[in-house]
Protein backbone atom coordinates (compact mmCIF):
# COMPACT_ATOMS: atom_id res chain seq x y z
CA MET A 1 -5.29 -29.79 -12.18
CA SER A 2 -2.79 -27.89 -9.93
CA THR A 3 -4.05 -25.37 -7.44
CA ALA A 4 -2.24 -22.49 -9.23
CA HIS A 5 -3.90 -23.62 -12.55
CA SER A 6 -7.52 -23.66 -11.31
CA LYS A 7 -6.96 -20.32 -9.71
CA THR A 8 -5.54 -18.82 -12.89
CA VAL A 9 -8.28 -20.36 -14.84
CA ARG A 10 -10.80 -18.73 -12.42
CA VAL A 11 -9.25 -15.22 -12.64
CA LEU A 12 -8.71 -15.20 -16.46
CA LYS A 13 -12.27 -16.34 -17.06
CA ALA A 14 -13.54 -13.59 -15.02
CA LEU A 15 -11.38 -11.06 -16.80
CA ASN A 16 -12.58 -12.38 -20.34
CA HIS A 17 -16.14 -12.26 -18.91
CA GLU A 18 -16.70 -15.94 -19.00
CA PRO A 19 -18.53 -17.47 -16.10
CA PRO A 20 -15.85 -19.12 -13.50
CA ASP A 21 -16.71 -21.66 -11.08
CA ARG A 22 -17.07 -18.84 -8.69
CA ALA A 23 -15.92 -15.27 -8.37
CA PRO A 24 -12.11 -15.19 -7.71
CA ILE A 25 -10.90 -13.29 -4.58
CA GLY A 26 -7.97 -10.78 -4.47
CA GLU A 27 -6.89 -8.62 -1.76
CA PHE A 28 -4.50 -6.12 -0.30
CA PHE A 29 -3.75 -6.13 3.73
CA TRP A 30 -2.42 -3.40 5.96
CA THR A 31 0.53 -4.44 7.92
CA ASN A 32 -1.24 -3.76 11.29
CA PHE A 33 -4.23 -6.04 10.02
CA VAL A 34 -1.67 -8.87 9.63
CA ARG A 35 -0.32 -8.04 13.20
CA ARG A 36 -3.73 -8.25 14.45
CA CYS A 37 -4.18 -11.72 12.67
CA LYS A 38 -0.95 -13.18 14.33
CA LYS A 39 -2.28 -12.02 17.80
CA GLU A 40 -5.95 -13.06 17.39
CA LEU A 41 -5.81 -16.25 15.39
CA GLY A 42 -3.26 -18.02 17.11
CA VAL A 43 -1.11 -18.25 14.07
CA GLY A 44 2.92 -17.98 13.91
CA ASP A 45 5.13 -15.43 12.75
CA ASP A 46 5.05 -16.88 9.20
CA PHE A 47 1.27 -15.98 8.95
CA ASP A 48 0.29 -15.21 5.41
CA PRO A 49 -3.38 -14.14 4.61
CA TYR A 50 -3.14 -15.33 1.05
CA ARG A 51 -2.44 -18.82 2.22
CA TYR A 52 -4.47 -18.55 5.22
CA TRP A 53 -7.64 -17.73 3.42
CA ASP A 54 -6.66 -19.68 0.21
CA LEU A 55 -7.24 -16.64 -1.91
CA ASP A 56 -6.83 -16.68 -5.83
CA LEU A 57 -4.74 -13.78 -6.97
CA VAL A 58 -1.35 -12.34 -5.75
CA VAL A 59 0.34 -9.17 -6.89
CA ILE A 60 4.08 -8.90 -6.89
CA SER A 61 6.27 -5.78 -7.31
CA PRO A 62 9.61 -5.50 -8.47
CA ASN A 63 12.25 -2.64 -7.72
CA MET A 64 11.12 0.31 -9.61
CA ASP A 65 13.44 2.84 -8.01
CA PRO A 66 15.23 5.02 -10.53
CA ARG A 67 18.50 4.13 -8.89
CA VAL A 68 19.07 0.65 -7.54
CA GLU A 69 20.83 1.77 -4.29
CA GLY A 70 18.52 0.31 -1.59
CA ILE A 71 17.06 2.09 1.35
CA LYS A 72 19.69 4.20 3.43
CA ILE A 73 18.80 4.75 7.17
CA LEU A 74 19.36 8.32 8.32
CA GLU A 75 17.83 7.81 11.67
CA ASP A 76 16.42 4.99 13.50
CA THR A 77 14.73 5.23 16.94
CA ALA A 78 11.78 3.51 18.54
CA GLU A 79 9.65 6.38 17.62
CA ARG A 80 11.00 7.75 14.28
CA LYS A 81 12.66 6.28 11.42
CA LEU A 82 13.94 8.27 8.67
CA VAL A 83 15.29 6.79 5.25
CA ARG A 84 16.39 7.84 1.73
CA THR A 85 15.12 5.74 -1.16
CA GLY A 86 16.33 5.04 -4.67
CA TYR A 87 13.90 7.69 -5.77
CA GLY A 88 15.90 10.21 -3.89
CA ALA A 89 13.12 10.79 -1.43
CA VAL A 90 13.42 11.42 2.17
CA VAL A 91 10.63 9.69 4.22
CA GLU A 92 9.79 9.56 7.77
CA ARG A 93 7.88 6.82 9.45
CA LYS A 94 6.43 7.30 12.81
CA SER A 95 4.34 4.87 15.16
CA THR A 96 1.64 7.59 15.03
CA TYR A 97 1.51 7.85 11.30
CA PRO A 98 -0.73 5.69 9.28
CA MET A 99 1.35 6.03 6.15
CA PRO A 100 4.78 7.45 5.63
CA HIS A 101 5.39 11.16 5.58
CA PHE A 102 7.74 12.47 2.46
CA VAL A 103 9.84 14.92 3.81
CA SER A 104 11.76 16.16 0.83
CA PHE A 105 12.65 15.00 -2.83
CA GLU A 106 16.01 15.37 -4.58
CA THR A 107 14.61 15.73 -7.92
CA GLU A 108 12.20 18.78 -7.57
CA SER A 109 12.66 20.95 -10.37
CA LEU A 110 12.43 20.26 -14.30
CA ASP A 111 16.06 20.88 -14.62
CA ARG A 112 16.86 17.97 -11.99
CA LEU A 113 14.45 15.86 -13.64
CA GLU A 114 15.70 16.22 -17.04
CA ALA A 115 19.33 15.63 -15.62
CA LEU A 116 18.15 12.48 -13.54
CA ALA A 117 20.16 9.53 -14.36
CA MET A 118 18.13 6.19 -14.01
CA ASP A 119 19.54 2.73 -13.77
CA ASP A 120 18.65 0.31 -16.45
CA PRO A 121 15.07 -0.90 -15.92
CA ARG A 122 16.16 -4.44 -16.90
CA ASP A 123 18.80 -4.42 -14.33
CA ARG A 124 18.83 -7.98 -12.93
CA ARG A 125 19.33 -6.62 -9.45
CA ARG A 126 15.64 -5.45 -9.84
CA TYR A 127 14.50 -8.95 -10.05
CA PHE A 128 16.93 -11.36 -8.76
CA GLU A 129 18.49 -9.74 -5.58
CA ALA A 130 16.95 -9.09 -2.04
CA ILE A 131 17.32 -5.45 -2.20
CA ASP A 132 15.28 -2.74 -0.34
CA ASP A 133 13.35 -0.39 -2.58
CA GLN A 134 10.67 2.20 -1.83
CA ILE A 135 7.37 0.68 -3.17
CA ASN A 136 7.93 -2.60 -1.44
CA GLY A 137 9.71 -1.30 1.61
CA VAL A 138 8.19 1.92 2.71
CA GLY A 139 4.47 1.74 3.24
CA ASP A 140 2.14 1.59 6.29
CA GLU A 141 5.54 0.08 7.91
CA LEU A 142 9.03 -0.29 6.99
CA ASN A 143 9.75 -3.73 5.55
CA LEU A 144 13.38 -3.97 4.58
CA GLY A 145 15.27 -6.96 3.41
CA LEU A 146 12.39 -8.73 1.59
CA PRO A 147 13.11 -11.57 -0.70
CA SER A 148 13.66 -10.65 -4.37
CA PHE A 149 10.94 -10.33 -6.86
CA VAL A 150 11.84 -13.77 -8.39
CA ASP A 151 11.81 -15.40 -4.96
CA ARG A 152 8.44 -13.98 -4.20
CA VAL A 153 6.99 -15.12 -7.58
CA ASP A 154 8.53 -18.67 -7.09
CA SER A 155 7.08 -18.80 -3.66
CA TYR A 156 3.49 -18.10 -4.90
CA ALA A 157 3.41 -19.64 -8.45
CA ASP A 158 2.66 -23.20 -7.45
CA ASP A 159 -0.50 -22.05 -5.43
CA PHE A 160 -1.77 -18.63 -6.86
CA CYS A 161 -2.65 -16.73 -9.97
CA VAL A 162 0.39 -14.17 -9.94
CA PHE A 163 0.39 -10.89 -11.23
CA GLY A 164 3.51 -8.45 -11.53
CA SER A 165 3.01 -4.91 -11.37
CA VAL A 166 4.20 -1.48 -12.77
CA CYS A 167 3.69 2.28 -11.93
CA GLU A 168 2.13 4.59 -14.80
CA ILE A 169 3.50 7.82 -15.45
CA GLN A 170 1.74 9.92 -12.65
CA GLU A 171 2.48 7.42 -9.89
CA GLN A 172 6.24 7.18 -10.98
CA LEU A 173 6.48 11.17 -11.48
CA TRP A 174 5.06 12.03 -8.08
CA ARG A 175 7.68 9.67 -6.37
CA ILE A 176 10.35 11.49 -8.06
CA VAL A 177 9.43 15.15 -7.89
CA GLY A 178 7.04 15.12 -5.12
CA PRO A 179 3.08 15.20 -5.17
CA VAL A 180 2.92 19.02 -5.06
CA ASN A 181 5.59 19.64 -7.60
CA VAL A 182 4.01 17.34 -10.22
CA TYR A 183 0.85 19.80 -10.29
CA TYR A 184 2.95 22.96 -10.58
CA GLN A 185 4.96 21.36 -13.48
CA LEU A 186 1.86 20.17 -15.18
CA ALA A 187 0.52 23.65 -15.02
CA GLU A 188 3.69 25.83 -15.65
CA ASP A 189 5.18 24.04 -18.43
CA PRO A 190 3.65 20.89 -19.77
CA ASP A 191 5.32 21.08 -23.10
CA ARG A 192 8.76 20.77 -21.39
CA LEU A 193 7.53 18.05 -18.94
CA GLU A 194 6.25 15.93 -21.80
CA LYS A 195 9.90 15.28 -22.72
CA SER A 196 10.59 13.94 -19.36
CA ILE A 197 7.24 11.86 -19.28
CA ARG A 198 8.40 10.25 -22.61
CA ARG A 199 11.58 9.18 -21.11
CA LEU A 200 9.88 7.81 -18.02
CA GLY A 201 7.41 5.83 -20.23
CA ASP A 202 10.74 4.30 -21.87
CA PHE A 203 11.70 3.33 -18.36
CA LEU A 204 8.55 1.96 -17.29
CA VAL A 205 8.28 -0.25 -20.54
CA GLY A 206 11.60 -1.53 -19.56
CA ILE A 207 10.24 -2.39 -16.08
CA VAL A 208 7.38 -4.44 -17.69
CA GLU A 209 10.06 -6.19 -19.93
CA GLY A 210 12.50 -6.81 -17.24
CA GLN A 211 10.07 -8.61 -15.03
CA ILE A 212 8.26 -10.65 -17.56
CA GLU A 213 11.74 -11.99 -18.62
CA ALA A 214 12.75 -12.58 -14.97
CA ALA A 215 9.45 -14.33 -14.06
CA GLY A 216 9.94 -16.95 -16.82
CA GLY A 217 6.44 -17.56 -17.68
CA LYS A 218 4.87 -17.46 -14.18
CA LEU A 219 2.96 -14.16 -14.63
CA SER A 220 -0.72 -14.16 -15.88
CA GLY A 221 -0.86 -10.35 -15.66
CA MET A 222 0.17 -7.00 -14.40
CA TYR A 223 -1.34 -4.54 -12.08
CA ILE A 224 -0.60 -0.82 -13.19
CA TRP A 225 -0.52 1.54 -10.19
CA GLY A 226 -1.96 4.86 -11.19
CA ASP A 227 -3.68 7.29 -8.78
CA VAL A 228 -4.95 10.11 -10.99
CA ALA A 229 -8.09 10.94 -9.01
CA SER A 230 -9.48 11.87 -5.69
CA THR A 231 -12.75 11.03 -4.15
CA LYS A 232 -14.31 14.35 -5.78
CA GLY A 233 -12.77 13.69 -9.27
CA MET A 234 -9.52 13.86 -11.47
CA LEU A 235 -6.48 15.41 -9.94
CA ILE A 236 -5.58 16.91 -13.40
CA SER A 237 -7.66 17.79 -16.44
CA PRO A 238 -8.93 14.93 -18.41
CA THR A 239 -7.75 16.72 -21.41
CA LEU A 240 -4.12 16.97 -20.09
CA TRP A 241 -4.26 13.23 -18.92
CA ARG A 242 -5.05 12.26 -22.43
CA ARG A 243 -2.15 14.36 -24.05
CA LEU A 244 0.45 13.39 -21.54
CA HIS A 245 -0.38 10.24 -19.71
CA LYS A 246 -2.32 8.28 -21.92
CA PRO A 247 -0.01 7.49 -24.88
CA GLN A 248 2.43 5.99 -22.25
CA LEU A 249 -0.08 4.15 -20.61
CA ALA A 250 -0.88 2.58 -24.06
CA ARG A 251 2.57 1.55 -24.54
CA ILE A 252 2.72 -0.11 -21.29
CA CYS A 253 -0.41 -1.95 -21.98
CA ASP A 254 0.54 -2.89 -25.33
CA ARG A 255 3.99 -4.45 -23.96
CA ILE A 256 1.93 -6.55 -21.46
CA HIS A 257 -0.66 -7.74 -23.91
CA ALA A 258 2.25 -8.65 -26.19
CA ALA A 259 3.42 -11.02 -23.59
CA GLY A 260 -0.07 -12.68 -23.48
CA LEU A 261 -0.76 -11.08 -20.03
CA LYS A 262 -3.92 -9.25 -18.65
CA VAL A 263 -3.83 -5.64 -17.31
CA ILE A 264 -5.68 -4.35 -14.07
CA TYR A 265 -5.46 -0.68 -13.40
CA HIS A 266 -5.35 0.33 -9.89
CA GLY A 267 -6.66 3.88 -9.46
CA CYS A 268 -7.82 5.36 -6.19
CA GLY A 269 -10.76 7.84 -6.42
CA ASN A 270 -13.17 8.79 -8.92
CA ALA A 271 -11.68 8.92 -12.41
CA THR A 272 -14.85 8.19 -14.54
CA PRO A 273 -14.09 10.96 -17.04
CA ILE A 274 -11.12 8.73 -18.37
CA TYR A 275 -12.76 5.25 -18.08
CA ASP A 276 -13.36 5.19 -21.86
CA ASP A 277 -9.93 6.26 -22.46
CA LEU A 278 -8.39 3.76 -20.20
CA ILE A 279 -10.32 1.00 -22.21
CA GLU A 280 -8.86 2.48 -25.48
CA ALA A 281 -5.28 2.42 -24.05
CA GLY A 282 -5.72 -1.42 -23.27
CA VAL A 283 -6.87 -1.64 -19.53
CA ASP A 284 -8.80 -4.85 -19.20
CA CYS A 285 -9.99 -4.40 -15.73
CA TYR A 286 -10.34 -1.42 -13.23
CA ASN A 287 -9.49 -1.60 -9.42
CA PRO A 288 -10.33 -0.64 -6.45
CA LEU A 289 -13.51 1.05 -7.24
CA GLU A 290 -13.80 3.15 -4.03
CA ALA A 291 -17.34 3.18 -2.79
CA LYS A 292 -16.55 6.30 -0.68
CA ALA A 293 -15.78 8.12 -4.23
CA GLY A 294 -19.46 7.38 -5.16
CA LEU A 295 -18.48 4.29 -7.47
CA ASP A 296 -20.79 1.23 -7.59
CA VAL A 297 -19.71 -1.91 -9.44
CA ILE A 298 -23.29 -2.90 -10.03
CA ASP A 299 -24.05 0.40 -11.91
CA LEU A 300 -20.60 0.11 -13.91
CA ARG A 301 -21.33 -3.47 -14.86
CA ALA A 302 -24.37 -2.26 -16.27
CA ARG A 303 -23.02 0.84 -18.05
CA PHE A 304 -19.81 -1.07 -19.54
CA GLY A 305 -21.19 -4.63 -20.04
CA ASP A 306 -18.43 -6.94 -21.35
CA ARG A 307 -16.39 -3.97 -22.36
CA TRP A 308 -14.69 -3.83 -19.08
CA ALA A 309 -13.97 -5.92 -16.01
CA PHE A 310 -13.98 -4.85 -12.53
CA ASN A 311 -11.94 -5.80 -9.32
CA GLY A 312 -12.90 -4.31 -6.06
CA ASN A 313 -15.67 -1.92 -4.61
CA VAL A 314 -16.57 -3.96 -1.53
CA ASN A 315 -16.93 -1.01 1.14
CA VAL A 316 -14.16 -1.33 3.67
CA GLN A 317 -16.05 1.07 5.85
CA VAL A 318 -18.76 -1.49 6.05
CA LEU A 319 -16.41 -4.31 6.86
CA GLU A 320 -15.10 -2.10 9.62
CA THR A 321 -18.29 -2.19 11.47
CA ASN A 322 -17.68 -5.71 12.07
CA ASP A 323 -21.65 -6.00 11.93
CA PRO A 324 -22.43 -9.30 10.40
CA GLU A 325 -25.65 -8.17 8.82
CA LYS A 326 -24.24 -5.04 7.35
CA VAL A 327 -21.24 -7.12 6.10
CA ARG A 328 -23.36 -9.75 4.73
CA ALA A 329 -25.61 -7.36 2.63
CA GLU A 330 -22.63 -5.54 1.36
CA VAL A 331 -20.72 -8.67 0.15
CA LEU A 332 -24.09 -10.36 -1.49
CA ARG A 333 -24.77 -7.29 -3.24
CA LYS A 334 -21.40 -6.75 -4.78
CA LEU A 335 -21.32 -10.48 -5.68
CA ALA A 336 -24.31 -9.75 -7.94
CA ALA A 337 -21.68 -8.13 -10.27
CA ALA A 338 -19.78 -11.56 -10.77
CA ARG A 339 -22.60 -13.23 -12.65
CA GLY A 340 -21.64 -14.09 -16.00
CA GLY A 341 -17.87 -13.26 -15.36
CA GLY A 342 -16.18 -9.89 -15.41
CA TYR A 343 -15.64 -9.37 -11.64
CA ILE A 344 -12.97 -10.22 -9.15
CA PHE A 345 -14.26 -9.72 -5.44
CA GLN A 346 -12.04 -7.57 -3.42
CA SER A 347 -12.28 -4.50 -0.99
CA ASP A 348 -12.54 -0.94 -2.15
CA HIS A 349 -8.99 -0.53 -1.15
CA SER A 350 -7.25 -2.89 1.24
CA ILE A 351 -8.26 -4.44 4.48
CA SER A 352 -7.19 -2.28 7.58
CA SER A 353 -6.76 -3.11 11.36
CA ASN A 354 -10.21 -2.04 12.06
CA VAL A 355 -11.49 -5.29 10.30
CA ASP A 356 -11.71 -7.94 12.93
CA PRO A 357 -10.11 -10.98 11.27
CA GLY A 358 -13.26 -13.02 11.95
CA THR A 359 -15.20 -10.52 9.83
CA TYR A 360 -12.74 -11.19 7.07
CA ASP A 361 -13.08 -14.83 7.60
CA PHE A 362 -16.94 -14.35 7.41
CA VAL A 363 -16.42 -12.48 4.08
CA VAL A 364 -14.58 -15.15 2.45
CA ARG A 365 -16.95 -17.82 3.36
CA LEU A 366 -19.72 -15.75 2.02
CA VAL A 367 -17.91 -15.56 -1.47
CA ARG A 368 -17.33 -19.27 -1.20
CA GLU A 369 -20.83 -20.06 -0.55
CA PHE A 370 -22.76 -17.48 -2.85
CA GLY A 371 -20.16 -16.40 -5.51
CA GLY A 372 -20.71 -19.48 -7.77
């Protein structure tokens, strides 16, 4: 049995609520954590945390920019970088910023949104060319000139369970019009906005179809990115979400499932009012289950049983203490959710540079020892 096959079996068993040989491990890492590892672990510049810790699940994103035109550098100094993306967004990166600052959006009004011309979501450049795009290239650091989606899938497919990814409506919409404008438009003219939402749904279904075809059978599932909540609750009313967003999410899930793939929905914050709706729409598993938003995977497993799988909830704030006893208690408690399947071990967001590489190594060893 190949390494990739055994890891895929492990992940899919967990998602199907069957007991795997042990709890599978997925993760996301901040760039500065990777930098810290390179410095403190004595590894080379080609250090890859997924390979170093032999994790199970890797998520790869294609180019989802409405226009496939790459990242345009507007200003480039040691302290400040200013870029324009294929979303029509101007984004600023500074060494003092933990995340990028969105300066402006080309498509701010409903008139401009309705007139927005988007390149074909199945355009081969999104999948086969090493082109810079916003989601892959503009994060906690500017990462330009990355290998193509297909090259990245191919590089991991022999050794890992590989998922693709796609945005849902809210995630795609705010990147186009800006996070503040989304809420104004939802409040002021939801009827008019609904027409653009349906068009974005067409685009995102096309992104699903494009990467499935491009990956040539090497994907086991897809993450759907969709932050619709804060730590205090939903960012929009559940009623409005059900009317505008849920139908398009269901379309995306249906297309993923039609290819025989699983769906993991990544939604930060506390979106518990729509959890049943997410299940109805076709979401198989929920991530990241932020502990600071009051979510607890043990309670959620008891509530949902075999209706839903979970991925995450290991409190990063506990990991950041780098206290072995606190970390051990957190890891072992959350591993209890893995009994009988239904849980993929992961942090409740991603691993920051405040986590000592030795602490993360300790976490992985605990999962391997006690996650069976």
